[in-house]
Amino acid sequence: MPETIEQYKERLLSYSDGKEALEIQRATGDKLSALTHGKTSEQLNRQPAPGKWSVAQILAHLADAEAANSWRYRQILSTNAIPIQAYDQDRWAAAFDYEHRDPKQSLEFFKALRTANLNLLDTVPRGLWDNYGVHEERGNESIAHLTRMIAGHDVNHLRQIEAILRDAK
């Protein structure tokens, strides 16, 4: 049975529960680099099961998700209560050919965007963290909430990558 939106939110938030969300986010790029360093193209492109993403596809997804989050942060910070459009990650994966994306380029793109986003969050007045967007599927999401969701999203995909690479040995 597929996960509901509420179950998805709860799962991601549980991964960062009691931890500093921005510290998780700051560490993600280096963790991804360490996990993928020295891995062969075969290891990075191996799908663990039919319909499941490879490490390379996950890296492409993380890069594109960070691009979407970059826009969301800026929209919410500048315009409180703005509508936030959802996107279908599987449609993005197909449209943007995650299967053939270069994992090194995806990782570098992710790291550059993540650094820019963290710099933004470090410099905006903390009061703006209460601003929220109205996500069309998940409802109201403040900047503070969004940072926790993104940290949980990072942990989720780091765990997936670890499992895929462990099983590929």
Protein backbone atom coordinates (compact mmCIF):
# COMPACT_ATOMS: atom_id res chain seq x y z
CA MET A 1 0.00 0.00 0.00
CA PRO A 2 1.49 3.36 -1.01
CA GLU A 3 2.43 5.85 1.67
CA THR A 4 0.00 8.73 2.27
CA ILE A 5 1.18 12.35 2.20
CA GLU A 6 0.80 12.49 6.00
CA GLN A 7 2.82 9.28 6.47
CA TYR A 8 5.51 10.65 4.17
CA LYS A 9 5.73 13.89 6.17
CA GLU A 10 5.87 12.02 9.48
CA ARG A 11 8.56 9.64 8.21
CA LEU A 12 10.80 12.41 6.92
CA LEU A 13 10.35 14.51 10.04
CA SER A 14 11.20 11.49 12.22
CA TYR A 15 14.62 11.21 10.54
CA SER A 16 15.61 14.68 11.73
CA ASP A 17 13.69 14.64 15.01
CA GLY A 18 15.80 16.01 17.85
CA LYS A 19 18.64 16.96 15.52
CA GLU A 20 19.67 20.29 14.06
CA ALA A 21 18.18 20.31 10.57
CA LEU A 22 20.74 22.67 9.06
CA GLU A 23 23.64 20.62 10.43
CA ILE A 24 22.20 17.53 8.73
CA GLN A 25 21.92 19.53 5.52
CA ARG A 26 25.47 20.92 5.85
CA ALA A 27 26.87 17.39 6.16
CA THR A 28 24.93 15.81 3.30
CA GLY A 29 27.18 16.87 0.41
CA ASP A 30 30.31 15.50 2.09
CA LYS A 31 28.51 12.29 3.02
CA LEU A 32 27.37 11.83 -0.57
CA SER A 33 30.92 12.47 -1.80
CA ALA A 34 32.34 9.93 0.65
CA LEU A 35 29.74 7.30 -0.25
CA THR A 36 30.27 7.64 -3.99
CA HIS A 37 34.05 8.25 -4.05
CA GLY A 38 35.84 5.55 -6.02
CA LYS A 39 32.63 3.81 -7.06
CA THR A 40 32.43 2.49 -10.59
CA SER A 41 29.85 3.58 -13.11
CA GLU A 42 28.36 0.11 -12.82
CA GLN A 43 27.94 0.48 -9.05
CA LEU A 44 26.41 3.94 -9.35
CA ASN A 45 24.02 2.99 -12.15
CA ARG A 46 22.84 -0.36 -10.78
CA GLN A 47 19.15 -0.33 -9.98
CA PRO A 48 18.52 -2.38 -6.81
CA ALA A 49 15.20 -3.68 -8.17
CA PRO A 50 12.93 -3.02 -11.14
CA GLY A 51 11.43 0.44 -10.81
CA LYS A 52 13.85 1.46 -8.04
CA TRP A 53 16.34 4.25 -8.55
CA SER A 54 20.08 3.73 -8.82
CA VAL A 55 22.54 5.87 -6.87
CA ALA A 56 23.04 8.00 -9.99
CA GLN A 57 19.29 8.54 -10.29
CA ILE A 58 19.03 9.45 -6.59
CA LEU A 59 21.82 12.00 -7.04
CA ALA A 60 19.96 13.52 -10.00
CA HIS A 61 16.80 13.63 -7.89
CA LEU A 62 18.62 15.32 -5.00
CA ALA A 63 20.05 17.94 -7.34
CA ASP A 64 16.65 18.71 -8.86
CA ALA A 65 14.95 18.69 -5.46
CA GLU A 66 17.51 21.21 -4.22
CA ALA A 67 16.73 23.41 -7.24
CA ALA A 68 13.01 23.21 -6.38
CA ASN A 69 13.75 23.96 -2.72
CA SER A 70 15.88 26.92 -3.73
CA TRP A 71 12.90 28.45 -5.48
CA ARG A 72 10.53 27.54 -2.62
CA TYR A 73 12.77 29.15 0.00
CA ARG A 74 12.94 32.36 -1.97
CA GLN A 75 9.22 32.42 -2.69
CA ILE A 76 8.26 31.83 0.94
CA LEU A 77 10.83 34.21 2.41
CA SER A 78 9.73 37.03 0.11
CA THR A 79 5.96 36.38 0.10
CA ASN A 80 4.32 34.88 3.16
CA ALA A 81 1.47 32.41 2.51
CA ILE A 82 2.37 32.00 -1.16
CA PRO A 83 1.00 28.91 -2.96
CA ILE A 84 3.69 26.25 -3.50
CA GLN A 85 3.28 23.87 -6.40
CA ALA A 86 4.07 20.20 -5.94
CA TYR A 87 5.97 18.23 -8.56
CA ASP A 88 5.92 14.60 -9.57
CA GLN A 89 9.41 13.23 -8.99
CA ASP A 90 8.83 10.29 -11.32
CA ARG A 91 7.82 12.62 -14.15
CA TRP A 92 10.92 14.71 -13.50
CA ALA A 93 13.05 11.54 -13.53
CA ALA A 94 11.63 10.58 -16.92
CA ALA A 95 11.61 14.06 -18.45
CA PHE A 96 15.14 14.90 -17.29
CA ASP A 97 16.52 11.43 -18.06
CA TYR A 98 17.86 10.59 -14.59
CA GLU A 99 18.90 7.20 -15.94
CA HIS A 100 21.59 8.81 -18.10
CA ARG A 101 22.60 11.78 -15.97
CA ASP A 102 26.23 12.00 -14.92
CA PRO A 103 26.31 11.29 -11.16
CA LYS A 104 29.38 13.49 -10.61
CA GLN A 105 27.67 16.44 -12.29
CA SER A 106 24.49 15.83 -10.28
CA LEU A 107 26.48 15.76 -7.05
CA GLU A 108 28.35 18.97 -7.89
CA PHE A 109 25.10 20.71 -8.85
CA PHE A 110 23.51 19.54 -5.60
CA LYS A 111 26.46 20.74 -3.51
CA ALA A 112 26.55 24.16 -5.18
CA LEU A 113 22.82 24.72 -4.72
CA ARG A 114 22.89 23.41 -1.15
CA THR A 115 25.71 25.79 -0.25
CA ALA A 116 23.79 28.72 -1.74
CA ASN A 117 20.60 27.72 0.08
CA LEU A 118 22.36 27.35 3.42
CA ASN A 119 24.07 30.71 2.94
CA LEU A 120 20.66 32.26 2.26
CA LEU A 121 19.15 30.71 5.38
CA ASP A 122 22.12 31.83 7.47
CA THR A 123 21.69 35.44 6.38
CA VAL A 124 17.94 36.12 6.37
CA PRO A 125 16.36 37.46 9.55
CA ARG A 126 15.28 34.56 11.75
CA GLY A 127 11.79 36.04 11.98
CA LEU A 128 11.27 35.20 8.30
CA TRP A 129 11.57 31.52 9.21
CA ASP A 130 7.95 31.76 10.36
CA ASN A 131 6.88 32.65 6.82
CA TYR A 132 5.12 29.76 5.15
CA GLY A 133 4.07 28.54 1.79
CA VAL A 134 0.86 26.65 1.11
CA HIS A 135 2.03 23.43 -0.51
CA GLU A 136 -0.71 22.09 -2.75
CA GLU A 137 -0.41 18.57 -1.28
CA ARG A 138 1.08 19.06 2.19
CA GLY A 139 -0.53 22.31 3.32
CA ASN A 140 1.21 25.10 5.23
CA GLU A 141 4.97 24.72 5.45
CA SER A 142 7.09 27.33 7.19
CA ILE A 143 10.77 27.77 6.43
CA ALA A 144 11.54 26.15 9.80
CA HIS A 145 9.35 23.17 8.89
CA LEU A 146 10.76 22.96 5.37
CA THR A 147 14.34 22.78 6.70
CA ARG A 148 13.36 19.77 8.84
CA MET A 149 11.61 18.08 5.91
CA ILE A 150 14.65 18.58 3.70
CA ALA A 151 16.98 17.23 6.39
CA GLY A 152 14.77 14.14 6.66
CA HIS A 153 14.75 13.83 2.87
CA ASP A 154 18.56 13.88 2.95
CA VAL A 155 18.70 11.14 5.59
CA ASN A 156 16.18 9.05 3.66
CA HIS A 157 18.26 9.14 0.48
CA LEU A 158 21.59 8.72 2.26
CA ARG A 159 20.21 5.50 3.78
CA GLN A 160 19.01 4.34 0.35
CA ILE A 161 22.41 5.00 -1.20
CA GLU A 162 24.21 3.19 1.64
CA ALA A 163 21.96 0.15 1.18
CA ILE A 164 22.33 0.10 -2.60
CA LEU A 165 26.13 0.29 -2.42
CA ARG A 166 26.34 -2.25 0.40
CA ASP A 167 24.24 -4.71 -1.59
CA ALA A 168 26.26 -4.07 -4.77
CA LYS A 169 29.46 -5.53 -3.31
